[in-house]
Amino acid sequence: IDGLIKICHLIQNLLWEKNVRNKDNHCMEVIRLKGLVSIKDKSQQVIVQGVHELYDLEETPVSWKDDTERTNRLVLIGRNLDKDILKQLFIATVTETEKQWTTHFKEDQVCT
Protein backbone atom coordinates (compact mmCIF):
# COMPACT_ATOMS: atom_id res chain seq x y z
CA ILE A 1 0.00 0.00 0.00
CA ASP A 2 1.19 3.52 -0.80
CA GLY A 3 2.79 5.33 2.14
CA LEU A 4 0.41 8.28 1.96
CA ILE A 5 -2.59 5.95 2.06
CA LYS A 6 -1.22 4.20 5.16
CA ILE A 7 -0.60 7.53 6.91
CA CYS A 8 -4.19 8.55 6.02
CA HIS A 9 -5.50 5.27 7.43
CA LEU A 10 -3.59 5.80 10.69
CA ILE A 11 -4.89 9.36 11.04
CA GLN A 12 -8.45 8.26 10.22
CA ASN A 13 -8.28 5.58 12.93
CA LEU A 14 -7.11 8.20 15.42
CA LEU A 15 -9.47 11.04 14.43
CA TRP A 16 -12.55 9.43 12.87
CA GLU A 17 -12.86 5.86 14.01
CA LYS A 18 -11.40 6.58 17.46
CA ASN A 19 -10.49 2.91 17.76
CA VAL A 20 -6.89 3.16 18.94
CA ARG A 21 -6.50 2.25 22.60
CA ASN A 22 -3.76 2.77 25.15
CA LYS A 23 -2.24 0.12 27.46
CA ASP A 24 -5.12 0.62 29.94
CA ASN A 25 -7.63 -0.04 27.13
CA HIS A 26 -8.83 3.58 27.12
CA CYS A 27 -9.59 5.21 23.81
CA MET A 28 -6.92 7.65 22.65
CA GLU A 29 -8.59 10.92 21.73
CA VAL A 30 -6.53 13.16 19.45
CA ILE A 31 -7.73 16.75 19.41
CA ARG A 32 -4.87 18.24 17.39
CA LEU A 33 -1.98 16.85 15.38
CA LYS A 34 0.75 18.48 13.38
CA GLY A 35 3.98 17.28 11.88
CA LEU A 36 6.46 16.68 9.12
CA VAL A 37 6.78 13.17 7.72
CA SER A 38 8.96 11.28 5.31
CA ILE A 39 7.08 8.89 3.04
CA LYS A 40 8.92 5.97 1.47
CA ASP A 41 9.59 6.55 -2.25
CA LYS A 42 8.57 10.24 -2.04
CA SER A 43 11.27 12.86 -2.46
CA GLN A 44 9.16 15.71 -1.05
CA GLN A 45 8.58 16.44 2.63
CA VAL A 46 4.95 15.98 3.68
CA ILE A 47 3.17 18.21 6.20
CA VAL A 48 0.43 16.61 8.32
CA GLN A 49 -2.19 18.68 10.16
CA GLY A 50 -5.37 17.71 11.92
CA VAL A 51 -8.02 19.18 14.22
CA HIS A 52 -10.78 17.02 15.67
CA GLU A 53 -12.07 15.05 12.66
CA LEU A 54 -10.44 17.16 9.94
CA TYR A 55 -6.95 16.50 8.61
CA ASP A 56 -4.75 17.31 5.65
CA LEU A 57 -1.57 15.87 4.17
CA GLU A 58 0.29 18.13 1.81
CA GLU A 59 3.46 17.48 -0.16
CA THR A 60 5.70 20.50 0.17
CA PRO A 61 7.92 21.87 -2.60
CA VAL A 62 10.89 21.03 -0.32
CA SER A 63 12.72 17.82 -1.23
CA TRP A 64 14.67 15.69 1.18
CA LYS A 65 18.38 16.11 0.50
CA ASP A 66 20.16 12.91 -0.55
CA ASP A 67 22.94 13.38 1.98
CA THR A 68 20.74 14.03 5.05
CA GLU A 69 18.83 11.65 7.27
CA ARG A 70 15.08 11.86 6.86
CA THR A 71 13.24 12.62 10.07
CA ASN A 72 9.63 12.41 11.16
CA ARG A 73 8.16 14.71 13.77
CA LEU A 74 4.59 14.58 15.03
CA VAL A 75 2.97 16.55 17.80
CA LEU A 76 -0.32 15.20 19.16
CA ILE A 77 -2.55 16.87 21.70
CA GLY A 78 -5.39 14.92 23.28
CA ARG A 79 -6.54 12.59 26.04
CA ASN A 80 -5.40 9.11 27.05
CA LEU A 81 -2.50 9.30 24.59
CA ASP A 82 0.22 6.68 24.93
CA LYS A 83 3.49 7.89 23.43
CA ASP A 84 4.97 4.37 23.08
CA ILE A 85 1.94 2.92 21.28
CA LEU A 86 1.61 5.96 19.00
CA LYS A 87 5.32 5.78 18.19
CA GLN A 88 5.05 2.04 17.40
CA LEU A 89 2.02 2.64 15.17
CA PHE A 90 3.71 5.47 13.33
CA ILE A 91 6.95 3.53 12.81
CA ALA A 92 4.99 0.49 11.65
CA THR A 93 3.02 2.74 9.27
CA VAL A 94 6.05 4.33 7.63
CA THR A 95 8.06 1.09 7.54
CA GLU A 96 5.06 -0.97 6.41
CA THR A 97 5.23 -3.73 9.03
CA GLU A 98 1.59 -4.78 8.77
CA LYS A 99 1.41 -6.99 11.90
CA GLN A 100 2.59 -4.21 14.24
CA TRP A 101 0.47 -1.71 12.38
CA THR A 102 -2.85 -3.43 13.13
CA THR A 103 -2.09 -4.54 16.70
CA HIS A 104 -3.69 -1.57 18.44
CA PHE A 105 -6.68 -1.04 16.12
CA LYS A 106 -9.78 -2.50 17.78
CA GLU A 107 -12.19 -2.09 14.90
CA ASP A 108 -14.93 -4.09 16.63
CA GLN A 109 -14.63 -1.94 19.77
CA VAL A 110 -15.12 1.66 18.67
CA CYS A 111 -14.60 4.12 21.52
CA THR A 112 -17.51 6.34 22.43
C-alpha atoms as a PDB file:
ATOM      1  CA  ILE A   1       0.000   0.000   0.000  1.00  0.00           C
ATOM      2  CA  ASP A   2       1.194   3.517  -0.798  1.00  0.00           C
ATOM      3  CA  GLY A   3       2.795   5.326   2.144  1.00  0.00           C
ATOM      4  CA  LEU A   4       0.407   8.283   1.963  1.00  0.00           C
ATOM      5  CA  ILE A   5      -2.589   5.952   2.065  1.00  0.00           C
ATOM      6  CA  LYS A   6      -1.223   4.202   5.157  1.00  0.00           C
ATOM      7  CA  ILE A   7      -0.601   7.529   6.908  1.00  0.00           C
ATOM      8  CA  CYS A   8      -4.187   8.553   6.021  1.00  0.00           C
ATOM      9  CA  HIS A   9      -5.503   5.272   7.434  1.00  0.00           C
ATOM     10  CA  LEU A  10      -3.591   5.799  10.687  1.00  0.00           C
ATOM     11  CA  ILE A  11      -4.895   9.361  11.036  1.00  0.00           C
ATOM     12  CA  GLN A  12      -8.450   8.260  10.225  1.00  0.00           C
ATOM     13  CA  ASN A  13      -8.275   5.582  12.925  1.00  0.00           C
ATOM     14  CA  LEU A  14      -7.112   8.202  15.423  1.00  0.00           C
ATOM     15  CA  LEU A  15      -9.474  11.040  14.428  1.00  0.00           C
ATOM     16  CA  TRP A  16     -12.549   9.431  12.868  1.00  0.00           C
ATOM     17  CA  GLU A  17     -12.859   5.858  14.011  1.00  0.00           C
ATOM     18  CA  LYS A  18     -11.398   6.585  17.455  1.00  0.00           C
ATOM     19  CA  ASN A  19     -10.487   2.908  17.763  1.00  0.00           C
ATOM     20  CA  VAL A  20      -6.890   3.160  18.937  1.00  0.00           C
ATOM     21  CA  ARG A  21      -6.499   2.249  22.599  1.00  0.00           C
ATOM     22  CA  ASN A  22      -3.762   2.767  25.147  1.00  0.00           C
ATOM     23  CA  LYS A  23      -2.245   0.115  27.459  1.00  0.00           C
ATOM     24  CA  ASP A  24      -5.116   0.622  29.939  1.00  0.00           C
ATOM     25  CA  ASN A  25      -7.626  -0.039  27.125  1.00  0.00           C
ATOM     26  CA  HIS A  26      -8.827   3.578  27.124  1.00  0.00           C
ATOM     27  CA  CYS A  27      -9.586   5.215  23.805  1.00  0.00           C
ATOM     28  CA  MET A  28      -6.921   7.647  22.646  1.00  0.00           C
ATOM     29  CA  GLU A  29      -8.587  10.918  21.727  1.00  0.00           C
ATOM     30  CA  VAL A  30      -6.526  13.162  19.446  1.00  0.00           C
ATOM     31  CA  ILE A  31      -7.734  16.754  19.407  1.00  0.00           C
ATOM     32  CA  ARG A  32      -4.874  18.238  17.385  1.00  0.00           C
ATOM     33  CA  LEU A  33      -1.977  16.854  15.385  1.00  0.00           C
ATOM     34  CA  LYS A  34       0.751  18.478  13.375  1.00  0.00           C
ATOM     35  CA  GLY A  35       3.984  17.281  11.881  1.00  0.00           C
ATOM     36  CA  LEU A  36       6.457  16.675   9.120  1.00  0.00           C
ATOM     37  CA  VAL A  37       6.783  13.175   7.718  1.00  0.00           C
ATOM     38  CA  SER A  38       8.960  11.279   5.311  1.00  0.00           C
ATOM     39  CA  ILE A  39       7.079   8.891   3.036  1.00  0.00           C
ATOM     40  CA  LYS A  40       8.915   5.974   1.473  1.00  0.00           C
ATOM     41  CA  ASP A  41       9.587   6.550  -2.247  1.00  0.00           C
ATOM     42  CA  LYS A  42       8.573  10.239  -2.044  1.00  0.00           C
ATOM     43  CA  SER A  43      11.271  12.857  -2.457  1.00  0.00           C
ATOM     44  CA  GLN A  44       9.157  15.712  -1.045  1.00  0.00           C
ATOM     45  CA  GLN A  45       8.584  16.443   2.633  1.00  0.00           C
ATOM     46  CA  VAL A  46       4.948  15.979   3.680  1.00  0.00           C
ATOM     47  CA  ILE A  47       3.166  18.213   6.204  1.00  0.00           C
ATOM     48  CA  VAL A  48       0.426  16.614   8.315  1.00  0.00           C
ATOM     49  CA  GLN A  49      -2.189  18.681  10.164  1.00  0.00           C
ATOM     50  CA  GLY A  50      -5.372  17.706  11.920  1.00  0.00           C
ATOM     51  CA  VAL A  51      -8.016  19.183  14.218  1.00  0.00           C
ATOM     52  CA  HIS A  52     -10.780  17.024  15.672  1.00  0.00           C
ATOM     53  CA  GLU A  53     -12.075  15.046  12.660  1.00  0.00           C
ATOM     54  CA  LEU A  54     -10.438  17.161   9.941  1.00  0.00           C
ATOM     55  CA  TYR A  55      -6.954  16.503   8.607  1.00  0.00           C
ATOM     56  CA  ASP A  56      -4.748  17.307   5.654  1.00  0.00           C
ATOM     57  CA  LEU A  57      -1.573  15.871   4.171  1.00  0.00           C
ATOM     58  CA  GLU A  58       0.295  18.132   1.814  1.00  0.00           C
ATOM     59  CA  GLU A  59       3.455  17.485  -0.164  1.00  0.00           C
ATOM     60  CA  THR A  60       5.701  20.499   0.174  1.00  0.00           C
ATOM     61  CA  PRO A  61       7.921  21.868  -2.598  1.00  0.00           C
ATOM     62  CA  VAL A  62      10.888  21.028  -0.324  1.00  0.00           C
ATOM     63  CA  SER A  63      12.719  17.821  -1.235  1.00  0.00           C
ATOM     64  CA  TRP A  64      14.669  15.687   1.180  1.00  0.00           C
ATOM     65  CA  LYS A  65      18.379  16.106   0.499  1.00  0.00           C
ATOM     66  CA  ASP A  66      20.155  12.914  -0.546  1.00  0.00           C
ATOM     67  CA  ASP A  67      22.939  13.382   1.979  1.00  0.00           C
ATOM     68  CA  THR A  68      20.741  14.027   5.047  1.00  0.00           C
ATOM     69  CA  GLU A  69      18.826  11.653   7.271  1.00  0.00           C
ATOM     70  CA  ARG A  70      15.075  11.864   6.859  1.00  0.00           C
ATOM     71  CA  THR A  71      13.242  12.625  10.069  1.00  0.00           C
ATOM     72  CA  ASN A  72       9.626  12.413  11.159  1.00  0.00           C
ATOM     73  CA  ARG A  73       8.161  14.707  13.773  1.00  0.00           C
ATOM     74  CA  LEU A  74       4.590  14.576  15.027  1.00  0.00           C
ATOM     75  CA  VAL A  75       2.969  16.554  17.804  1.00  0.00           C
ATOM     76  CA  LEU A  76      -0.321  15.195  19.157  1.00  0.00           C
ATOM     77  CA  ILE A  77      -2.553  16.872  21.702  1.00  0.00           C
ATOM     78  CA  GLY A  78      -5.385  14.921  23.277  1.00  0.00           C
ATOM     79  CA  ARG A  79      -6.540  12.593  26.040  1.00  0.00           C
ATOM     80  CA  ASN A  80      -5.404   9.106  27.052  1.00  0.00           C
ATOM     81  CA  LEU A  81      -2.501   9.300  24.589  1.00  0.00           C
ATOM     82  CA  ASP A  82       0.221   6.678  24.926  1.00  0.00           C
ATOM     83  CA  LYS A  83       3.487   7.891  23.428  1.00  0.00           C
ATOM     84  CA  ASP A  84       4.968   4.375  23.084  1.00  0.00           C
ATOM     85  CA  ILE A  85       1.939   2.925  21.276  1.00  0.00           C
ATOM     86  CA  LEU A  86       1.613   5.962  19.000  1.00  0.00           C
ATOM     87  CA  LYS A  87       5.318   5.777  18.194  1.00  0.00           C
ATOM     88  CA  GLN A  88       5.051   2.036  17.401  1.00  0.00           C
ATOM     89  CA  LEU A  89       2.019   2.642  15.175  1.00  0.00           C
ATOM     90  CA  PHE A  90       3.711   5.470  13.327  1.00  0.00           C
ATOM     91  CA  ILE A  91       6.946   3.534  12.811  1.00  0.00           C
ATOM     92  CA  ALA A  92       4.994   0.493  11.646  1.00  0.00           C
ATOM     93  CA  THR A  93       3.022   2.743   9.275  1.00  0.00           C
ATOM     94  CA  VAL A  94       6.049   4.326   7.634  1.00  0.00           C
ATOM     95  CA  THR A  95       8.063   1.085   7.541  1.00  0.00           C
ATOM     96  CA  GLU A  96       5.059  -0.967   6.412  1.00  0.00           C
ATOM     97  CA  THR A  97       5.226  -3.726   9.031  1.00  0.00           C
ATOM     98  CA  GLU A  98       1.591  -4.783   8.774  1.00  0.00           C
ATOM     99  CA  LYS A  99       1.406  -6.988  11.895  1.00  0.00           C
ATOM    100  CA  GLN A 100       2.594  -4.212  14.240  1.00  0.00           C
ATOM    101  CA  TRP A 101       0.467  -1.708  12.383  1.00  0.00           C
ATOM    102  CA  THR A 102      -2.845  -3.428  13.128  1.00  0.00           C
ATOM    103  CA  THR A 103      -2.092  -4.544  16.700  1.00  0.00           C
ATOM    104  CA  HIS A 104      -3.688  -1.572  18.442  1.00  0.00           C
ATOM    105  CA  PHE A 105      -6.679  -1.038  16.118  1.00  0.00           C
ATOM    106  CA  LYS A 106      -9.780  -2.501  17.780  1.00  0.00           C
ATOM    107  CA  GLU A 107     -12.189  -2.092  14.897  1.00  0.00           C
ATOM    108  CA  ASP A 108     -14.929  -4.093  16.626  1.00  0.00           C
ATOM    109  CA  GLN A 109     -14.626  -1.939  19.766  1.00  0.00           C
ATOM    110  CA  VAL A 110     -15.115   1.660  18.666  1.00  0.00           C
ATOM    111  CA  CYS A 111     -14.597   4.120  21.520  1.00  0.00           C
ATOM    112  CA  THR A 112     -17.512   6.337  22.430  1.00  0.00           C
END
